PDB file of N, CA and C in Angstrom:
ATOM      1  N   UNK A   1      22.831 -47.569 -24.435  1.00  0.00           N
ATOM      2  CA  UNK A   1      24.019 -48.105 -23.796  1.00  0.00           C
ATOM      3  C   UNK A   1      23.652 -49.380 -23.044  1.00  0.00           C
ATOM      4  N   UNK A   2      24.390 -50.417 -23.285  1.00  0.00           N
ATOM      5  CA  UNK A   2      24.134 -51.682 -22.600  1.00  0.00           C
ATOM      6  C   UNK A   2      25.165 -51.890 -21.484  1.00  0.00           C
ATOM      7  N   UNK A   3      24.790 -52.724 -20.540  1.00  0.00           N
ATOM      8  CA  UNK A   3      25.676 -53.004 -19.416  1.00  0.00           C
ATOM      9  C   UNK A   3      26.753 -53.990 -19.854  1.00  0.00           C
ATOM     10  N   UNK A   4      27.988 -53.647 -19.589  1.00  0.00           N
ATOM     11  CA  UNK A   4      29.109 -54.517 -19.926  1.00  0.00           C
ATOM     12  C   UNK A   4      29.542 -55.347 -18.731  1.00  0.00           C
ATOM     13  N   UNK A   5      30.585 -56.103 -18.926  1.00  0.00           N
ATOM     14  CA  UNK A   5      31.058 -56.991 -17.865  1.00  0.00           C
ATOM     15  C   UNK A   5      31.609 -56.202 -16.677  1.00  0.00           C
ATOM     16  N   UNK A   6      32.160 -55.021 -16.947  1.00  0.00           N
ATOM     17  CA  UNK A   6      32.712 -54.213 -15.858  1.00  0.00           C
ATOM     18  C   UNK A   6      31.604 -53.765 -14.908  1.00  0.00           C
ATOM     19  N   UNK A   7      30.444 -53.436 -15.456  1.00  0.00           N
ATOM     20  CA  UNK A   7      29.319 -53.029 -14.618  1.00  0.00           C
ATOM     21  C   UNK A   7      28.894 -54.167 -13.688  1.00  0.00           C
ATOM     22  N   UNK A   8      28.834 -55.364 -14.234  1.00  0.00           N
ATOM     23  CA  UNK A   8      28.458 -56.517 -13.419  1.00  0.00           C
ATOM     24  C   UNK A   8      29.506 -56.800 -12.349  1.00  0.00           C
ATOM     25  N   UNK A   9      30.774 -56.659 -12.690  1.00  0.00           N
ATOM     26  CA  UNK A   9      31.825 -56.902 -11.708  1.00  0.00           C
ATOM     27  C   UNK A   9      31.790 -55.874 -10.583  1.00  0.00           C
ATOM     28  N   UNK A  10      31.495 -54.623 -10.896  1.00  0.00           N
ATOM     29  CA  UNK A  10      31.400 -53.609  -9.846  1.00  0.00           C
ATOM     30  C   UNK A  10      30.224 -53.882  -8.912  1.00  0.00           C
ATOM     31  N   UNK A  11      29.083 -54.273  -9.452  1.00  0.00           N
ATOM     32  CA  UNK A  11      27.927 -54.589  -8.607  1.00  0.00           C
ATOM     33  C   UNK A  11      28.211 -55.835  -7.762  1.00  0.00           C
ATOM     34  N   UNK A  12      28.824 -56.841  -8.363  1.00  0.00           N
ATOM     35  CA  UNK A  12      29.185 -58.045  -7.613  1.00  0.00           C
ATOM     36  C   UNK A  12      30.199 -57.760  -6.517  1.00  0.00           C
ATOM     37  N   UNK A  13      31.178 -56.904  -6.809  1.00  0.00           N
ATOM     38  CA  UNK A  13      32.169 -56.550  -5.794  1.00  0.00           C
ATOM     39  C   UNK A  13      31.533 -55.750  -4.661  1.00  0.00           C
ATOM     40  N   UNK A  14      30.574 -54.885  -4.992  1.00  0.00           N
ATOM     41  CA  UNK A  14      29.878 -54.131  -3.955  1.00  0.00           C
ATOM     42  C   UNK A  14      29.072 -55.061  -3.057  1.00  0.00           C
ATOM     43  N   UNK A  15      28.352 -56.017  -3.645  1.00  0.00           N
ATOM     44  CA  UNK A  15      27.583 -56.970  -2.846  1.00  0.00           C
ATOM     45  C   UNK A  15      28.499 -57.809  -1.956  1.00  0.00           C
ATOM     46  N   UNK A  16      29.606 -58.257  -2.527  1.00  0.00           N
ATOM     47  CA  UNK A  16      30.557 -59.065  -1.757  1.00  0.00           C
ATOM     48  C   UNK A  16      31.142 -58.254  -0.601  1.00  0.00           C
ATOM     49  N   UNK A  17      31.538 -57.019  -0.863  1.00  0.00           N
ATOM     50  CA  UNK A  17      32.133 -56.185   0.185  1.00  0.00           C
ATOM     51  C   UNK A  17      31.115 -55.835   1.269  1.00  0.00           C
ATOM     52  N   UNK A  18      29.875 -55.553   0.872  1.00  0.00           N
ATOM     53  CA  UNK A  18      28.839 -55.248   1.861  1.00  0.00           C
ATOM     54  C   UNK A  18      28.563 -56.459   2.745  1.00  0.00           C
ATOM     55  N   UNK A  19      28.508 -57.638   2.159  1.00  0.00           N
ATOM     56  CA  UNK A  19      28.303 -58.847   2.942  1.00  0.00           C
ATOM     57  C   UNK A  19      29.472 -59.146   3.874  1.00  0.00           C
ATOM     58  N   UNK A  20      30.690 -58.961   3.383  1.00  0.00           N
ATOM     59  CA  UNK A  20      31.869 -59.190   4.223  1.00  0.00           C
ATOM     60  C   UNK A  20      31.911 -58.195   5.380  1.00  0.00           C
ATOM     61  N   UNK A  21      31.501 -56.957   5.122  1.00  0.00           N
ATOM     62  CA  UNK A  21      31.454 -55.958   6.189  1.00  0.00           C
ATOM     63  C   UNK A  21      30.422 -56.346   7.246  1.00  0.00           C
ATOM     64  N   UNK A  22      29.258 -56.834   6.808  1.00  0.00           N
ATOM     65  CA  UNK A  22      28.236 -57.253   7.763  1.00  0.00           C
ATOM     66  C   UNK A  22      28.695 -58.439   8.598  1.00  0.00           C
ATOM     67  N   UNK A  23      29.361 -59.387   7.971  1.00  0.00           N
ATOM     68  CA  UNK A  23      29.850 -60.558   8.709  1.00  0.00           C
ATOM     69  C   UNK A  23      30.905 -60.148   9.728  1.00  0.00           C
ATOM     70  N   UNK A  24      31.797 -59.243   9.349  1.00  0.00           N
ATOM     71  CA  UNK A  24      32.876 -58.841  10.245  1.00  0.00           C
ATOM     72  C   UNK A  24      32.402 -57.887  11.341  1.00  0.00           C
ATOM     73  N   UNK A  25      31.374 -57.115  11.077  1.00  0.00           N
ATOM     74  CA  UNK A  25      30.964 -56.071  12.006  1.00  0.00           C
ATOM     75  C   UNK A  25      29.989 -56.553  13.090  1.00  0.00           C
ATOM     76  N   UNK A  26      29.145 -57.494  12.775  1.00  0.00           N
ATOM     77  CA  UNK A  26      28.116 -57.932  13.726  1.00  0.00           C
ATOM     78  C   UNK A  26      28.695 -58.850  14.789  1.00  0.00           C
ATOM     79  N   UNK A  27      28.144 -58.756  15.982  1.00  0.00           N
ATOM     80  CA  UNK A  27      28.661 -59.564  17.084  1.00  0.00           C
ATOM     81  C   UNK A  27      27.871 -60.848  17.295  1.00  0.00           C
ATOM     82  N   UNK A  28      26.593 -60.836  16.987  1.00  0.00           N
ATOM     83  CA  UNK A  28      25.798 -62.049  17.184  1.00  0.00           C
ATOM     84  C   UNK A  28      25.869 -62.922  15.936  1.00  0.00           C
ATOM     85  N   UNK A  29      25.691 -64.221  16.128  1.00  0.00           N
ATOM     86  CA  UNK A  29      25.781 -65.158  15.004  1.00  0.00           C
ATOM     87  C   UNK A  29      24.661 -64.948  13.994  1.00  0.00           C
ATOM     88  N   UNK A  30      23.474 -64.692  14.475  1.00  0.00           N
ATOM     89  CA  UNK A  30      22.342 -64.497  13.570  1.00  0.00           C
ATOM     90  C   UNK A  30      22.512 -63.278  12.684  1.00  0.00           C
ATOM     91  N   UNK A  31      22.995 -62.193  13.252  1.00  0.00           N
ATOM     92  CA  UNK A  31      23.207 -60.979  12.465  1.00  0.00           C
ATOM     93  C   UNK A  31      24.400 -61.141  11.530  1.00  0.00           C
ATOM     94  N   UNK A  32      25.417 -61.866  11.975  1.00  0.00           N
ATOM     95  CA  UNK A  32      26.578 -62.076  11.109  1.00  0.00           C
ATOM     96  C   UNK A  32      26.221 -62.960   9.926  1.00  0.00           C
ATOM     97  N   UNK A  33      25.367 -63.944  10.141  1.00  0.00           N
ATOM     98  CA  UNK A  33      24.962 -64.814   9.038  1.00  0.00           C
ATOM     99  C   UNK A  33      24.036 -64.107   8.053  1.00  0.00           C
ATOM    100  N   UNK A  34      23.521 -62.953   8.423  1.00  0.00           N
ATOM    101  CA  UNK A  34      22.691 -62.186   7.491  1.00  0.00           C
ATOM    102  C   UNK A  34      23.523 -61.629   6.340  1.00  0.00           C
ATOM    103  N   UNK A  35      24.831 -61.466   6.538  1.00  0.00           N
ATOM    104  CA  UNK A  35      25.690 -60.960   5.473  1.00  0.00           C
ATOM    105  C   UNK A  35      26.171 -62.028   4.507  1.00  0.00           C
ATOM    106  N   UNK A  36      26.040 -63.298   4.875  1.00  0.00           N
ATOM    107  CA  UNK A  36      26.514 -64.390   4.027  1.00  0.00           C
ATOM    108  C   UNK A  36      25.767 -64.447   2.687  1.00  0.00           C
ATOM    109  N   UNK A  37      24.440 -64.257   2.654  1.00  0.00           N
ATOM    110  CA  UNK A  37      23.776 -64.247   1.339  1.00  0.00           C
ATOM    111  C   UNK A  37      24.269 -63.141   0.413  1.00  0.00           C
ATOM    112  N   UNK A  38      24.674 -62.004   0.972  1.00  0.00           N
ATOM    113  CA  UNK A  38      25.229 -60.949   0.123  1.00  0.00           C
ATOM    114  C   UNK A  38      26.569 -61.365  -0.471  1.00  0.00           C
ATOM    115  N   UNK A  39      27.384 -62.032   0.322  1.00  0.00           N
ATOM    116  CA  UNK A  39      28.671 -62.516  -0.178  1.00  0.00           C
ATOM    117  C   UNK A  39      28.455 -63.515  -1.305  1.00  0.00           C
ATOM    118  N   UNK A  40      27.552 -64.472  -1.078  1.00  0.00           N
ATOM    119  CA  UNK A  40      27.274 -65.474  -2.108  1.00  0.00           C
ATOM    120  C   UNK A  40      26.607 -64.852  -3.330  1.00  0.00           C
ATOM    121  N   UNK A  41      25.747 -63.871  -3.115  1.00  0.00           N
ATOM    122  CA  UNK A  41      25.088 -63.210  -4.246  1.00  0.00           C
ATOM    123  C   UNK A  41      26.081 -62.462  -5.126  1.00  0.00           C
ATOM    124  N   UNK A  42      27.048 -61.784  -4.504  1.00  0.00           N
ATOM    125  CA  UNK A  42      28.078 -61.104  -5.284  1.00  0.00           C
ATOM    126  C   UNK A  42      28.946 -62.070  -6.064  1.00  0.00           C
ATOM    127  N   UNK A  43      29.294 -63.189  -5.434  1.00  0.00           N
ATOM    128  CA  UNK A  43      30.102 -64.188  -6.127  1.00  0.00           C
ATOM    129  C   UNK A  43      29.323 -64.830  -7.275  1.00  0.00           C
ATOM    130  N   UNK A  44      28.053 -65.120  -7.052  1.00  0.00           N
ATOM    131  CA  UNK A  44      27.238 -65.731  -8.102  1.00  0.00           C
ATOM    132  C   UNK A  44      27.028 -64.769  -9.263  1.00  0.00           C
ATOM    133  N   UNK A  45      26.843 -63.489  -8.959  1.00  0.00           N
ATOM    134  CA  UNK A  45      26.686 -62.504 -10.028  1.00  0.00           C
ATOM    135  C   UNK A  45      27.944 -62.406 -10.873  1.00  0.00           C
ATOM    136  N   UNK A  46      29.095 -62.406 -10.237  1.00  0.00           N
ATOM    137  CA  UNK A  46      30.353 -62.348 -10.992  1.00  0.00           C
ATOM    138  C   UNK A  46      30.561 -63.601 -11.843  1.00  0.00           C
ATOM    139  N   UNK A  47      30.218 -64.764 -11.308  1.00  0.00           N
ATOM    140  CA  UNK A  47      30.377 -65.995 -12.082  1.00  0.00           C
ATOM    141  C   UNK A  47      29.427 -66.042 -13.276  1.00  0.00           C
ATOM    142  N   UNK A  48      28.187 -65.608 -13.073  1.00  0.00           N
ATOM    143  CA  UNK A  48      27.232 -65.594 -14.182  1.00  0.00           C
ATOM    144  C   UNK A  48      27.636 -64.570 -15.244  1.00  0.00           C
ATOM    145  N   UNK A  49      28.134 -63.409 -14.821  1.00  0.00           N
ATOM    146  CA  UNK A  49      28.581 -62.394 -15.782  1.00  0.00           C
ATOM    147  C   UNK A  49      29.811 -62.878 -16.546  1.00  0.00           C
ATOM    148  N   UNK A  50      30.702 -63.567 -15.843  1.00  0.00           N
ATOM    149  CA  UNK A  50      31.895 -64.085 -16.509  1.00  0.00           C
ATOM    150  C   UNK A  50      31.535 -65.119 -17.565  1.00  0.00           C
ATOM    151  N   UNK A  51      30.559 -65.972 -17.261  1.00  0.00           N
ATOM    152  CA  UNK A  51      30.168 -66.965 -18.266  1.00  0.00           C
ATOM    153  C   UNK A  51      29.413 -66.314 -19.416  1.00  0.00           C
ATOM    154  N   UNK A  52      28.693 -65.239 -19.146  1.00  0.00           N
ATOM    155  CA  UNK A  52      27.926 -64.562 -20.206  1.00  0.00           C
ATOM    156  C   UNK A  52      28.856 -63.861 -21.182  1.00  0.00           C
ATOM    157  N   UNK A  53      29.894 -63.231 -20.683  1.00  0.00           N
ATOM    158  CA  UNK A  53      30.785 -62.460 -21.528  1.00  0.00           C
ATOM    159  C   UNK A  53      32.104 -63.179 -21.807  1.00  0.00           C
ATOM    160  N   UNK A  54      32.137 -64.493 -21.640  1.00  0.00           N
ATOM    161  CA  UNK A  54      33.370 -65.245 -21.839  1.00  0.00           C
ATOM    162  C   UNK A  54      33.792 -65.213 -23.307  1.00  0.00           C
ATOM    163  N   UNK A  55      35.107 -65.225 -23.514  1.00  0.00           N
ATOM    164  CA  UNK A  55      35.629 -65.187 -24.889  1.00  0.00           C
ATOM    165  C   UNK A  55      35.352 -66.502 -25.606  1.00  0.00           C
ATOM    166  N   UNK A  56      35.481 -67.601 -24.906  1.00  0.00           N
ATOM    167  CA  UNK A  56      35.187 -68.883 -25.531  1.00  0.00           C
ATOM    168  C   UNK A  56      33.724 -69.219 -25.268  1.00  0.00           C
ATOM    169  N   UNK A  57      32.994 -69.457 -26.300  1.00  0.00           N
ATOM    170  CA  UNK A  57      31.551 -69.673 -26.186  1.00  0.00           C
ATOM    171  C   UNK A  57      31.204 -71.154 -26.200  1.00  0.00           C
ATOM    172  N   UNK A  58      32.024 -71.986 -25.582  1.00  0.00           N
ATOM    173  CA  UNK A  58      31.771 -73.417 -25.603  1.00  0.00           C
ATOM    174  C   UNK A  58      30.698 -73.821 -24.595  1.00  0.00           C
ATOM    175  N   UNK A  59      30.761 -73.301 -23.387  1.00  0.00           N
ATOM    176  CA  UNK A  59      29.775 -73.638 -22.361  1.00  0.00           C
ATOM    177  C   UNK A  59      29.291 -72.352 -21.712  1.00  0.00           C
ATOM    178  N   UNK A  60      28.255 -71.775 -22.266  1.00  0.00           N
ATOM    179  CA  UNK A  60      27.801 -70.464 -21.806  1.00  0.00           C
ATOM    180  C   UNK A  60      26.958 -70.526 -20.546  1.00  0.00           C
ATOM    181  N   UNK A  61      26.445 -71.671 -20.181  1.00  0.00           N
ATOM    182  CA  UNK A  61      25.578 -71.750 -19.013  1.00  0.00           C
ATOM    183  C   UNK A  61      26.289 -72.260 -17.764  1.00  0.00           C
ATOM    184  N   UNK A  62      27.589 -72.447 -17.801  1.00  0.00           N
ATOM    185  CA  UNK A  62      28.303 -72.991 -16.645  1.00  0.00           C
ATOM    186  C   UNK A  62      28.216 -72.052 -15.452  1.00  0.00           C
ATOM    187  N   UNK A  63      28.394 -70.793 -15.653  1.00  0.00           N
ATOM    188  CA  UNK A  63      28.295 -69.837 -14.553  1.00  0.00           C
ATOM    189  C   UNK A  63      26.882 -69.695 -14.042  1.00  0.00           C
ATOM    190  N   UNK A  64      25.897 -69.815 -14.924  1.00  0.00           N
ATOM    191  CA  UNK A  64      24.507 -69.699 -14.507  1.00  0.00           C
ATOM    192  C   UNK A  64      24.076 -70.914 -13.696  1.00  0.00           C
ATOM    193  N   UNK A  65      24.549 -72.082 -14.059  1.00  0.00           N
ATOM    194  CA  UNK A  65      24.252 -73.283 -13.279  1.00  0.00           C
ATOM    195  C   UNK A  65      24.855 -73.173 -11.880  1.00  0.00           C
ATOM    196  N   UNK A  66      26.078 -72.688 -11.807  1.00  0.00           N
ATOM    197  CA  UNK A  66      26.724 -72.528 -10.510  1.00  0.00           C
ATOM    198  C   UNK A  66      26.016 -71.461  -9.688  1.00  0.00           C
ATOM    199  N   UNK A  67      25.500 -70.431 -10.333  1.00  0.00           N
ATOM    200  CA  UNK A  67      24.767 -69.384  -9.619  1.00  0.00           C
ATOM    201  C   UNK A  67      23.490 -69.939  -8.995  1.00  0.00           C
ATOM    202  N   UNK A  68      22.839 -70.875  -9.661  1.00  0.00           N
ATOM    203  CA  UNK A  68      21.641 -71.497  -9.095  1.00  0.00           C
ATOM    204  C   UNK A  68      22.008 -72.344  -7.875  1.00  0.00           C
ATOM    205  N   UNK A  69      23.113 -73.069  -7.944  1.00  0.00           N
ATOM    206  CA  UNK A  69      23.569 -73.857  -6.797  1.00  0.00           C
ATOM    207  C   UNK A  69      23.933 -72.939  -5.640  1.00  0.00           C
ATOM    208  N   UNK A  70      24.592 -71.821  -5.920  1.00  0.00           N
ATOM    209  CA  UNK A  70      24.944 -70.861  -4.882  1.00  0.00           C
ATOM    210  C   UNK A  70      23.688 -70.253  -4.273  1.00  0.00           C
ATOM    211  N   UNK A  71      22.661 -70.009  -5.081  1.00  0.00           N
ATOM    212  CA  UNK A  71      21.399 -69.477  -4.553  1.00  0.00           C
ATOM    213  C   UNK A  71      20.750 -70.472  -3.596  1.00  0.00           C
ATOM    214  N   UNK A  72      20.845 -71.758  -3.891  1.00  0.00           N
ATOM    215  CA  UNK A  72      20.295 -72.774  -2.985  1.00  0.00           C
ATOM    216  C   UNK A  72      21.051 -72.784  -1.659  1.00  0.00           C
ATOM    217  N   UNK A  73      22.381 -72.705  -1.703  1.00  0.00           N
ATOM    218  CA  UNK A  73      23.159 -72.629  -0.473  1.00  0.00           C
ATOM    219  C   UNK A  73      22.872 -71.343   0.288  1.00  0.00           C
ATOM    220  N   UNK A  74      22.659 -70.260  -0.431  1.00  0.00           N
ATOM    221  CA  UNK A  74      22.339 -68.988   0.209  1.00  0.00           C
ATOM    222  C   UNK A  74      21.023 -69.092   0.967  1.00  0.00           C
ATOM    223  N   UNK A  75      20.038 -69.757   0.375  1.00  0.00           N
ATOM    224  CA  UNK A  75      18.768 -69.939   1.068  1.00  0.00           C
ATOM    225  C   UNK A  75      18.953 -70.770   2.336  1.00  0.00           C
ATOM    226  N   UNK A  76      19.799 -71.789   2.270  1.00  0.00           N
ATOM    227  CA  UNK A  76      20.053 -72.612   3.453  1.00  0.00           C
ATOM    228  C   UNK A  76      20.738 -71.798   4.552  1.00  0.00           C
ATOM    229  N   UNK A  77      21.712 -70.972   4.188  1.00  0.00           N
ATOM    230  CA  UNK A  77      22.372 -70.123   5.182  1.00  0.00           C
ATOM    231  C   UNK A  77      21.416 -69.086   5.748  1.00  0.00           C
ATOM    232  N   UNK A  78      20.524 -68.564   4.927  1.00  0.00           N
ATOM    233  CA  UNK A  78      19.540 -67.607   5.411  1.00  0.00           C
ATOM    234  C   UNK A  78      18.601 -68.257   6.426  1.00  0.00           C
ATOM    235  N   UNK A  79      18.190 -69.487   6.150  1.00  0.00           N
ATOM    236  CA  UNK A  79      17.331 -70.204   7.091  1.00  0.00           C
ATOM    237  C   UNK A  79      18.077 -70.480   8.402  1.00  0.00           C
ATOM    238  N   UNK A  80      19.343 -70.827   8.314  1.00  0.00           N
ATOM    239  CA  UNK A  80      20.148 -71.047   9.515  1.00  0.00           C
ATOM    240  C   UNK A  80      20.291 -69.759  10.314  1.00  0.00           C
ATOM    241  N   UNK A  81      20.536 -68.649   9.638  1.00  0.00           N
ATOM    242  CA  UNK A  81      20.644 -67.362  10.326  1.00  0.00           C
ATOM    243  C   UNK A  81      19.342 -66.954  10.986  1.00  0.00           C
ATOM    244  N   UNK A  82      18.214 -67.200  10.329  1.00  0.00           N
ATOM    245  CA  UNK A  82      16.918 -66.884  10.932  1.00  0.00           C
ATOM    246  C   UNK A  82      16.674 -67.742  12.171  1.00  0.00           C
ATOM    247  N   UNK A  83      17.083 -69.008  12.115  1.00  0.00           N
ATOM    248  CA  UNK A  83      16.921 -69.882  13.269  1.00  0.00           C
ATOM    249  C   UNK A  83      17.794 -69.405  14.432  1.00  0.00           C
ATOM    250  N   UNK A  84      19.039 -69.051  14.149  1.00  0.00           N
ATOM    251  CA  UNK A  84      19.929 -68.582  15.217  1.00  0.00           C
ATOM    252  C   UNK A  84      19.465 -67.249  15.790  1.00  0.00           C
ATOM    253  N   UNK A  85      18.941 -66.376  14.941  1.00  0.00           N
ATOM    254  CA  UNK A  85      18.432 -65.106  15.443  1.00  0.00           C
ATOM    255  C   UNK A  85      17.220 -65.335  16.329  1.00  0.00           C
ATOM    256  N   UNK A  86      16.421 -66.320  16.020  1.00  0.00           N
ATOM    257  CA  UNK A  86      15.253 -66.649  16.854  1.00  0.00           C
ATOM    258  C   UNK A  86      15.697 -67.225  18.180  1.00  0.00           C
ATOM    259  N   UNK A  87      16.760 -68.001  18.198  1.00  0.00           N
ATOM    260  CA  UNK A  87      17.236 -68.593  19.443  1.00  0.00           C
ATOM    261  C   UNK A  87      17.902 -67.564  20.366  1.00  0.00           C
ATOM    262  N   UNK A  88      18.422 -66.484  19.797  1.00  0.00           N
ATOM    263  CA  UNK A  88      19.124 -65.474  20.605  1.00  0.00           C
ATOM    264  C   UNK A  88      18.186 -64.497  21.273  1.00  0.00           C
ATOM    265  N   UNK A  89      16.913 -64.494  20.932  1.00  0.00           N
ATOM    266  CA  UNK A  89      15.965 -63.564  21.527  1.00  0.00           C
ATOM    267  C   UNK A  89      15.658 -64.031  22.953  1.00  0.00           C
ATOM    268  N   UNK A  90      15.919 -63.153  23.939  1.00  0.00           N
ATOM    269  CA  UNK A  90      15.618 -63.571  25.328  1.00  0.00           C
ATOM    270  C   UNK A  90      14.106 -63.607  25.575  1.00  0.00           C
ATOM    271  N   UNK A  91      13.697 -64.531  26.398  1.00  0.00           N
ATOM    272  CA  UNK A  91      12.256 -64.669  26.716  1.00  0.00           C
ATOM    273  C   UNK A  91      11.979 -64.179  28.089  1.00  0.00           C
TER     274      UNK A  91
END
């Protein structure tokens, strides 16, 4: 049995929902920004799966290219969250 598009959409929706829950639930900026990579990861997974299983096979790598760009932004947000979490630690 191979994984279909529905499986990818469920995993992407779970990642997106978990990230949105973390962003909404945390009170500090550093902890809230920790959920942003999950949101972007779920969106990138859905876009890559959509391009992989698209009915029109004209541009199959469009979703994968966008997923790489989203991964770069996710790394930048993760670095920002780590910096803010470091600044919130009392000395």
